Amino acid sequence: MDTVSMDQRVSMRSRNELKLGLFGANCSSGRAVTLVDERWSGNWADCKALAQLADKVGLEFMLPVGRWKGYGGDTDYQGSTYETITWAAGLAAATENITCFGTVHAPMFNPIMAAKNIVTADHIGQGRFGLNIVCGWNEGEFDMFGMQQRDHDNRYAYAAEWIEVIQKAWGPDDDWSYDGKYLQHKKVRSKPKPWGGSRPVIMNAGASPNGRAFALKNCDAFFTTPSRVSDDQTREKVLAIKDEAASYGREIDIYTVGVVTCRPTMKEAQDYFHYASVEKCDWNAVRDILAIKNISPETVGQKAYDEHRIGYASSGMGGTTIIGDPDHVANTLIGWSKAGLRGVGMSFVNYLDELPFFAQEVLPRLEKAGVRVAVQ
């Protein structure tokens, strides 16, 4: 078996200063709440073709959304989705270099079973599997499993035990036991171990203070949102997170999510964005998404509700829009990289249709700026 160092895992075996990946392609409609005919299918043939194209042009990762139930609306937004560990395993078998993540709701997966699932995918990809941990989500999805979510703080306390058990399963010992507050396991054996003598890279996007502390203590990468005001403010935010990680004796890479609309001209990009995200928005799906979060005109007022509607329609349910020509898109990514962001999980209305133009026009600009290198 070839060895794979932890540094290679964290860097996704890439020399690029700015890592780029695709986020949400395992779901129908991806992350665009839209009615347009060309919206992302999310089917296997398209996912496989996309991963192979992303691999060919040198992107570093495929990151799925953990989803069990669609949001409704006219499109049943994200209603058809693939379970993410098996999705990642299939993509890893069909690619050569790209890291394929599974996004796992920790409370829904027994950690011994999850450790085995993950190792299987990791061996298929020969060390190219990554774990994105989610500690809680929509109540309706948990109801499907006959489960009740813990309160916010206990979710992260449970997840800390969960990842500790998984890492013990990946470790060298046999017949070990674990007696925690939430988890108890006896005489555990779990073989094989992760590929190449190191464990998969671990990501998380906890936004609350407890969520952030969990990520900084347990993960290799953490998702945050860049400043909409300036790259200097983004730099300050990144440094603050890294300083907090250092207080736990750890280093961590900072990633973000970009919702990309790139066209030959600014006007074309802006016009298409308005068409897909406003004129052809699945507003009924947006309504249903907000209802899950108890956001309505009655609960927050009409003005705030309208702001939430626009935000969810435009940002792919959480992400920073990048709308423009190749120069603008590249300059935005370069600015984020110079501010200290390590990588960006990107989404498009149709990943497979739009990635070739991005690769042809934006990637060379990033290479010229020195934040990426050309594919050999």
Protein backbone atom coordinates (compact mmCIF):
# COMPACT_ATOMS: atom_id res chain seq x y z
CA MET A 1 0.00 0.00 0.00
CA ASP A 2 1.28 3.47 -0.86
CA THR A 3 1.71 5.87 2.05
CA VAL A 4 -0.28 9.09 2.18
CA SER A 5 0.85 11.72 4.68
CA MET A 6 -1.57 13.90 6.61
CA ASP A 7 -0.06 16.94 4.87
CA GLN A 8 -0.93 15.37 1.52
CA ARG A 9 -4.47 14.76 2.71
CA VAL A 10 -4.98 18.30 3.96
CA SER A 11 -3.49 19.84 0.82
CA MET A 12 -5.54 17.41 -1.29
CA ARG A 13 -2.23 16.50 -2.96
CA SER A 14 -2.18 19.86 -4.67
CA ARG A 15 0.44 22.61 -4.86
CA ASN A 16 -2.24 25.24 -5.42
CA GLU A 17 -2.39 28.01 -2.88
CA LEU A 18 -6.14 28.31 -3.51
CA LYS A 19 -8.04 25.02 -3.60
CA LEU A 20 -11.20 24.87 -5.71
CA GLY A 21 -14.02 22.36 -5.58
CA LEU A 22 -17.66 21.84 -6.48
CA PHE A 23 -20.34 21.94 -3.79
CA GLY A 24 -23.81 20.41 -3.91
CA ALA A 25 -23.75 18.44 -7.16
CA ASN A 26 -25.24 15.32 -5.51
CA CYS A 27 -28.65 17.04 -5.29
CA SER A 28 -31.27 17.78 -7.92
CA SER A 29 -31.12 21.53 -8.68
CA GLY A 30 -27.73 21.64 -6.97
CA ARG A 31 -27.80 24.78 -4.88
CA ALA A 32 -29.82 26.97 -7.26
CA VAL A 33 -33.45 27.44 -6.19
CA THR A 34 -34.62 27.91 -9.76
CA LEU A 35 -37.17 26.77 -12.32
CA VAL A 36 -34.93 27.12 -15.37
CA ASP A 37 -34.94 24.11 -17.67
CA GLU A 38 -31.16 23.80 -17.54
CA ARG A 39 -31.03 23.51 -13.73
CA TRP A 40 -28.78 20.73 -12.47
CA SER A 41 -30.17 17.20 -12.76
CA GLY A 42 -28.09 15.64 -9.99
CA ASN A 43 -28.32 12.26 -11.72
CA TRP A 44 -25.45 9.78 -11.62
CA ALA A 45 -24.35 10.14 -15.22
CA ASP A 46 -24.02 13.91 -14.82
CA CYS A 47 -22.29 13.63 -11.43
CA LYS A 48 -19.75 11.17 -12.84
CA ALA A 49 -19.09 13.27 -15.94
CA LEU A 50 -18.73 16.38 -13.78
CA ALA A 51 -16.26 14.75 -11.40
CA GLN A 52 -14.18 13.52 -14.30
CA LEU A 53 -14.16 16.98 -15.88
CA ALA A 54 -13.27 18.61 -12.55
CA ASP A 55 -10.47 16.09 -12.15
CA LYS A 56 -9.19 16.79 -15.66
CA VAL A 57 -9.04 20.58 -15.20
CA GLY A 58 -7.33 20.24 -11.82
CA LEU A 59 -10.00 21.05 -9.24
CA GLU A 60 -9.24 19.62 -5.83
CA PHE A 61 -12.53 18.37 -4.39
CA MET A 62 -16.15 17.33 -4.77
CA LEU A 63 -18.24 18.25 -1.71
CA PRO A 64 -21.84 17.02 -1.40
CA VAL A 65 -24.80 18.34 0.57
CA GLY A 66 -26.16 15.97 3.22
CA ARG A 67 -29.84 15.83 2.34
CA TRP A 68 -32.55 13.25 3.00
CA LYS A 69 -35.73 15.11 2.08
CA GLY A 70 -36.51 17.78 -0.50
CA TYR A 71 -37.74 21.26 0.28
CA GLY A 72 -40.89 21.19 -1.84
CA GLY A 73 -41.90 24.06 -4.07
CA ASP A 74 -42.56 23.60 -7.77
CA THR A 75 -39.28 21.69 -8.30
CA ASP A 76 -39.16 19.82 -4.98
CA TYR A 77 -35.85 21.59 -4.53
CA GLN A 78 -33.07 19.09 -3.67
CA GLY A 79 -35.72 16.38 -3.60
CA SER A 80 -33.60 13.76 -5.38
CA THR A 81 -30.23 13.22 -3.70
CA TYR A 82 -27.54 10.59 -3.37
CA GLU A 83 -26.27 9.32 -0.04
CA THR A 84 -22.92 10.97 0.15
CA ILE A 85 -20.44 8.28 1.23
CA THR A 86 -21.50 5.88 -1.53
CA TRP A 87 -21.64 8.83 -3.95
CA ALA A 88 -18.06 9.74 -3.04
CA ALA A 89 -16.92 6.13 -3.37
CA GLY A 90 -18.38 5.90 -6.87
CA LEU A 91 -16.76 9.16 -7.93
CA ALA A 92 -13.42 8.14 -6.42
CA ALA A 93 -13.49 4.97 -8.50
CA ALA A 94 -14.11 7.03 -11.65
CA THR A 95 -11.40 9.67 -11.07
CA GLU A 96 -7.65 9.84 -10.45
CA ASN A 97 -6.69 12.84 -8.35
CA ILE A 98 -9.68 14.69 -6.93
CA THR A 99 -10.70 14.32 -3.26
CA CYS A 100 -14.31 13.17 -2.85
CA PHE A 101 -16.08 14.10 0.37
CA GLY A 102 -18.96 12.52 2.19
CA THR A 103 -21.20 14.84 4.20
CA VAL A 104 -22.39 12.92 7.25
CA HIS A 105 -25.05 13.82 9.83
CA ALA A 106 -23.29 12.44 12.89
CA PRO A 107 -26.45 11.56 14.89
CA MET A 108 -27.82 9.44 12.02
CA PHE A 109 -24.76 7.18 11.61
CA ASN A 110 -23.51 4.74 14.20
CA PRO A 111 -19.83 5.72 14.45
CA ILE A 112 -18.52 2.17 14.10
CA MET A 113 -20.56 1.72 10.93
CA ALA A 114 -19.53 5.18 9.69
CA ALA A 115 -15.85 4.41 10.31
CA LYS A 116 -16.18 1.26 8.18
CA ASN A 117 -18.13 3.05 5.42
CA ILE A 118 -15.54 5.81 5.28
CA VAL A 119 -12.57 3.44 5.19
CA THR A 120 -14.19 1.51 2.34
CA ALA A 121 -14.58 4.71 0.31
CA ASP A 122 -11.06 5.77 1.28
CA HIS A 123 -9.56 2.54 -0.05
CA ILE A 124 -11.54 2.84 -3.28
CA GLY A 125 -10.02 6.30 -3.77
CA GLN A 126 -6.60 5.30 -2.40
CA GLY A 127 -6.62 8.08 0.18
CA ARG A 128 -8.88 10.53 -1.66
CA PHE A 129 -11.86 10.52 0.71
CA GLY A 130 -12.75 13.45 2.96
CA LEU A 131 -15.32 13.73 5.77
CA ASN A 132 -17.61 16.73 6.17
CA ILE A 133 -19.38 16.48 9.54
CA VAL A 134 -22.87 17.91 10.15
CA CYS A 135 -24.07 17.91 13.76
CA GLY A 136 -27.75 18.78 13.24
CA TRP A 137 -30.16 19.87 10.51
CA ASN A 138 -33.82 20.05 9.54
CA GLU A 139 -36.20 18.51 12.06
CA GLY A 140 -38.29 16.91 9.31
CA GLU A 141 -35.31 14.92 8.09
CA PHE A 142 -34.62 13.61 11.57
CA ASP A 143 -38.32 12.70 11.90
CA MET A 144 -37.91 10.41 8.88
CA PHE A 145 -35.43 8.37 10.92
CA GLY A 146 -37.57 8.35 14.04
CA MET A 147 -34.98 10.53 15.76
CA GLN A 148 -35.19 13.68 17.85
CA GLN A 149 -32.40 16.21 17.67
CA ARG A 150 -30.53 17.10 20.82
CA ASP A 151 -30.46 20.69 21.99
CA HIS A 152 -27.83 22.82 20.28
CA ASP A 153 -24.99 22.49 22.80
CA ASN A 154 -25.46 18.74 23.26
CA ARG A 155 -25.30 18.20 19.49
CA TYR A 156 -21.67 19.26 19.50
CA ALA A 157 -20.87 17.37 22.70
CA TYR A 158 -22.27 14.23 21.02
CA ALA A 159 -20.35 14.93 17.82
CA ALA A 160 -17.10 15.28 19.80
CA GLU A 161 -17.61 11.76 21.18
CA TRP A 162 -18.66 10.51 17.73
CA ILE A 163 -15.49 11.68 16.01
CA GLU A 164 -13.37 10.39 18.90
CA VAL A 165 -14.88 6.93 18.48
CA ILE A 166 -14.32 7.04 14.72
CA GLN A 167 -10.70 8.01 15.14
CA LYS A 168 -10.19 5.18 17.63
CA ALA A 169 -11.67 2.81 15.05
CA TRP A 170 -9.16 4.14 12.53
CA GLY A 171 -6.30 3.74 15.02
CA PRO A 172 -3.99 0.78 15.65
CA ASP A 173 -5.68 -0.79 18.68
CA ASP A 174 -8.00 -3.81 18.73
CA ASP A 175 -10.59 -4.84 21.29
CA TRP A 176 -10.92 -1.36 22.70
CA SER A 177 -13.95 -0.06 24.56
CA TYR A 178 -15.47 3.39 24.91
CA ASP A 179 -17.68 4.60 27.73
CA GLY A 180 -18.87 8.14 27.08
CA LYS A 181 -21.89 10.20 28.04
CA TYR A 182 -23.59 9.49 24.72
CA LEU A 183 -21.74 6.52 23.22
CA GLN A 184 -20.75 3.15 24.62
CA HIS A 185 -18.86 0.54 22.61
CA LYS A 186 -17.25 -2.72 23.73
CA LYS A 187 -14.33 -4.75 22.35
CA VAL A 188 -14.23 -2.93 19.04
CA ARG A 189 -12.26 -4.25 16.07
CA SER A 190 -12.27 -2.35 12.79
CA LYS A 191 -10.11 -3.36 9.83
CA PRO A 192 -8.79 -2.32 7.42
CA LYS A 193 -7.54 1.07 8.55
CA PRO A 194 -7.65 4.19 6.35
CA TRP A 195 -5.49 4.09 3.25
CA GLY A 196 -1.79 4.86 3.41
CA GLY A 197 -1.24 5.28 7.15
CA SER A 198 -3.15 8.53 7.66
CA ARG A 199 -6.79 9.43 8.25
CA PRO A 200 -9.21 11.29 5.95
CA VAL A 201 -9.25 15.09 6.04
CA ILE A 202 -12.18 16.38 8.13
CA MET A 203 -14.31 19.51 7.48
CA ASN A 204 -17.09 21.31 9.35
CA ALA A 205 -19.09 24.52 8.99
CA GLY A 206 -20.47 25.17 12.47
CA ALA A 207 -21.53 28.81 12.71
CA SER A 208 -22.36 29.19 16.43
CA PRO A 209 -19.63 29.66 19.07
CA ASN A 210 -20.03 26.02 20.12
CA GLY A 211 -20.05 24.84 16.52
CA ARG A 212 -16.94 26.82 15.74
CA ALA A 213 -15.15 25.50 18.84
CA PHE A 214 -16.04 21.93 17.82
CA ALA A 215 -14.60 22.48 14.35
CA LEU A 216 -11.40 24.10 15.57
CA LYS A 217 -10.77 21.31 18.08
CA ASN A 218 -11.60 18.37 15.82
CA CYS A 219 -11.32 19.28 12.13
CA ASP A 220 -8.72 20.20 9.53
CA ALA A 221 -10.84 22.70 7.61
CA PHE A 222 -13.56 25.14 8.63
CA PHE A 223 -16.07 26.96 6.46
CA THR A 224 -16.81 30.62 7.02
CA THR A 225 -18.24 33.54 5.02
CA PRO A 226 -15.92 36.23 3.62
CA SER A 227 -16.62 39.87 4.30
CA ARG A 228 -18.85 41.56 1.76
CA VAL A 229 -17.09 44.84 2.54
CA SER A 230 -13.42 44.24 1.88
CA ASP A 231 -10.68 41.62 1.61
CA ASP A 232 -8.99 43.31 4.57
CA GLN A 233 -11.98 42.45 6.74
CA THR A 234 -11.89 38.89 5.43
CA ARG A 235 -8.21 38.71 6.36
CA GLU A 236 -9.01 39.87 9.90
CA LYS A 237 -11.75 37.25 10.17
CA VAL A 238 -9.44 34.48 8.95
CA LEU A 239 -6.67 35.49 11.36
CA ALA A 240 -9.12 35.54 14.27
CA ILE A 241 -10.24 31.99 13.47
CA LYS A 242 -6.65 30.78 13.12
CA ASP A 243 -5.73 32.45 16.44
CA GLU A 244 -8.64 30.71 18.12
CA ALA A 245 -7.51 27.38 16.68
CA ALA A 246 -4.00 28.08 17.97
CA SER A 247 -5.44 28.53 21.47
CA TYR A 248 -6.44 24.85 21.25
CA GLY A 249 -2.98 23.94 19.99
CA ARG A 250 -4.18 23.37 16.45
CA GLU A 251 -3.81 24.69 12.92
CA ILE A 252 -6.80 24.84 10.57
CA ASP A 253 -7.48 25.81 6.98
CA ILE A 254 -10.34 28.21 6.21
CA TYR A 255 -12.70 27.55 3.30
CA THR A 256 -15.79 29.30 1.98
CA VAL A 257 -18.68 28.79 -0.46
CA GLY A 258 -19.00 30.72 -3.74
CA VAL A 259 -22.16 30.83 -5.89
CA VAL A 260 -20.70 31.52 -9.33
CA THR A 261 -22.27 33.04 -12.43
CA CYS A 262 -19.52 33.65 -14.98
CA ARG A 263 -20.19 34.84 -18.51
CA PRO A 264 -18.10 36.62 -21.20
CA THR A 265 -19.36 40.06 -20.09
CA MET A 266 -20.60 41.59 -16.85
CA LYS A 267 -23.97 42.32 -18.43
CA GLU A 268 -24.44 38.74 -19.60
CA ALA A 269 -23.59 37.44 -16.14
CA GLN A 270 -25.87 39.88 -14.35
CA ASP A 271 -28.72 39.27 -16.78
CA TYR A 272 -28.49 35.49 -16.43
CA PHE A 273 -28.26 35.68 -12.66
CA HIS A 274 -31.40 37.84 -12.52
CA TYR A 275 -33.18 35.50 -14.93
CA ALA A 276 -32.31 32.30 -13.04
CA SER A 277 -32.46 33.59 -9.46
CA VAL A 278 -35.26 36.17 -9.62
CA GLU A 279 -37.45 35.83 -12.70
CA LYS A 280 -37.31 32.03 -12.64
CA CYS A 281 -36.77 31.49 -8.94
CA ASP A 282 -38.76 28.66 -7.35
CA TRP A 283 -40.32 31.08 -4.88
CA ASN A 284 -42.57 28.38 -3.46
CA ALA A 285 -39.48 26.37 -2.51
CA VAL A 286 -37.99 29.48 -0.90
CA ARG A 287 -41.22 29.91 1.06
CA ASP A 288 -41.02 26.29 2.26
CA ILE A 289 -37.34 26.61 3.18
CA LEU A 290 -38.05 29.69 5.27
CA ALA A 291 -41.07 28.04 6.91
CA ILE A 292 -38.81 25.25 8.19
CA LYS A 293 -36.78 27.96 9.91
CA ASN A 294 -39.93 29.63 11.26
CA ILE A 295 -39.32 32.69 9.10
CA SER A 296 -42.53 34.27 7.84
CA PRO A 297 -44.05 37.75 7.60
CA GLU A 298 -45.84 37.01 10.87
CA THR A 299 -42.69 35.98 12.77
CA VAL A 300 -40.15 38.50 11.48
CA GLY A 301 -42.17 41.21 9.68
CA GLN A 302 -42.66 41.74 5.98
CA LYS A 303 -39.49 43.75 5.36
CA ALA A 304 -37.19 41.21 7.04
CA TYR A 305 -39.06 38.36 5.35
CA ASP A 306 -38.52 39.89 1.92
CA GLU A 307 -34.80 40.25 2.68
CA HIS A 308 -34.61 36.59 3.68
CA ARG A 309 -36.43 35.57 0.48
CA ILE A 310 -33.96 37.43 -1.72
CA GLY A 311 -31.02 36.11 0.29
CA TYR A 312 -32.04 32.48 -0.04
CA ALA A 313 -32.90 32.82 -3.71
CA SER A 314 -29.57 34.39 -4.62
CA SER A 315 -27.06 32.66 -2.35
CA GLY A 316 -27.86 29.00 -2.83
CA MET A 317 -28.98 28.70 0.80
CA GLY A 318 -25.75 30.09 2.14
CA GLY A 319 -22.84 31.27 0.06
CA THR A 320 -21.35 34.40 -1.43
CA THR A 321 -22.43 35.27 -4.96
CA ILE A 322 -19.71 35.91 -7.54
CA ILE A 323 -21.40 37.38 -10.62
CA GLY A 324 -19.41 38.73 -13.52
CA ASP A 325 -17.00 38.29 -16.38
CA PRO A 326 -13.84 36.17 -16.02
CA ASP A 327 -11.76 39.10 -14.77
CA HIS A 328 -14.24 39.89 -12.01
CA VAL A 329 -14.65 36.26 -10.95
CA ALA A 330 -10.89 35.68 -10.95
CA ASN A 331 -10.17 38.89 -9.05
CA THR A 332 -12.71 37.96 -6.39
CA LEU A 333 -11.11 34.55 -5.90
CA ILE A 334 -7.61 36.05 -5.90
CA GLY A 335 -8.68 38.55 -3.25
CA TRP A 336 -10.05 35.80 -1.06
CA SER A 337 -6.87 33.78 -1.46
CA LYS A 338 -4.67 36.75 -0.55
CA ALA A 339 -6.91 37.30 2.50
CA GLY A 340 -6.02 33.82 3.72
CA LEU A 341 -8.87 31.64 2.52
CA ARG A 342 -7.51 28.23 1.62
CA GLY A 343 -10.29 27.10 -0.68
CA VAL A 344 -13.71 27.67 -2.22
CA GLY A 345 -16.56 25.21 -2.75
CA MET A 346 -18.30 26.52 -5.86
CA SER A 347 -21.79 25.97 -7.20
CA PHE A 348 -23.31 26.79 -10.59
CA VAL A 349 -26.84 26.61 -11.97
CA ASN A 350 -25.60 23.81 -14.24
CA TYR A 351 -22.16 22.62 -13.17
CA LEU A 352 -21.41 20.57 -16.26
CA ASP A 353 -22.44 23.29 -18.72
CA GLU A 354 -20.66 26.13 -16.91
CA LEU A 355 -17.43 24.54 -15.66
CA PRO A 356 -15.74 24.41 -19.10
CA PHE A 357 -15.96 28.21 -19.53
CA PHE A 358 -14.76 28.73 -15.95
CA ALA A 359 -11.83 26.39 -16.56
CA GLN A 360 -10.94 28.00 -19.88
CA GLU A 361 -11.17 31.62 -18.77
CA VAL A 362 -10.87 31.90 -14.98
CA LEU A 363 -8.28 29.25 -14.14
CA PRO A 364 -5.58 30.80 -16.39
CA ARG A 365 -6.13 34.14 -14.65
CA LEU A 366 -5.66 32.47 -11.28
CA GLU A 367 -2.49 30.83 -12.56
CA LYS A 368 -1.16 34.15 -13.81
CA ALA A 369 -1.80 35.65 -10.35
CA GLY A 370 0.16 32.84 -8.74
CA VAL A 371 -2.62 31.35 -6.61
CA ARG A 372 -2.86 28.24 -8.81
CA VAL A 373 -0.56 26.36 -11.17
CA ALA A 374 -1.38 24.99 -14.60
CA VAL A 375 -2.37 21.35 -14.88
CA GLN A 376 0.58 19.33 -16.17
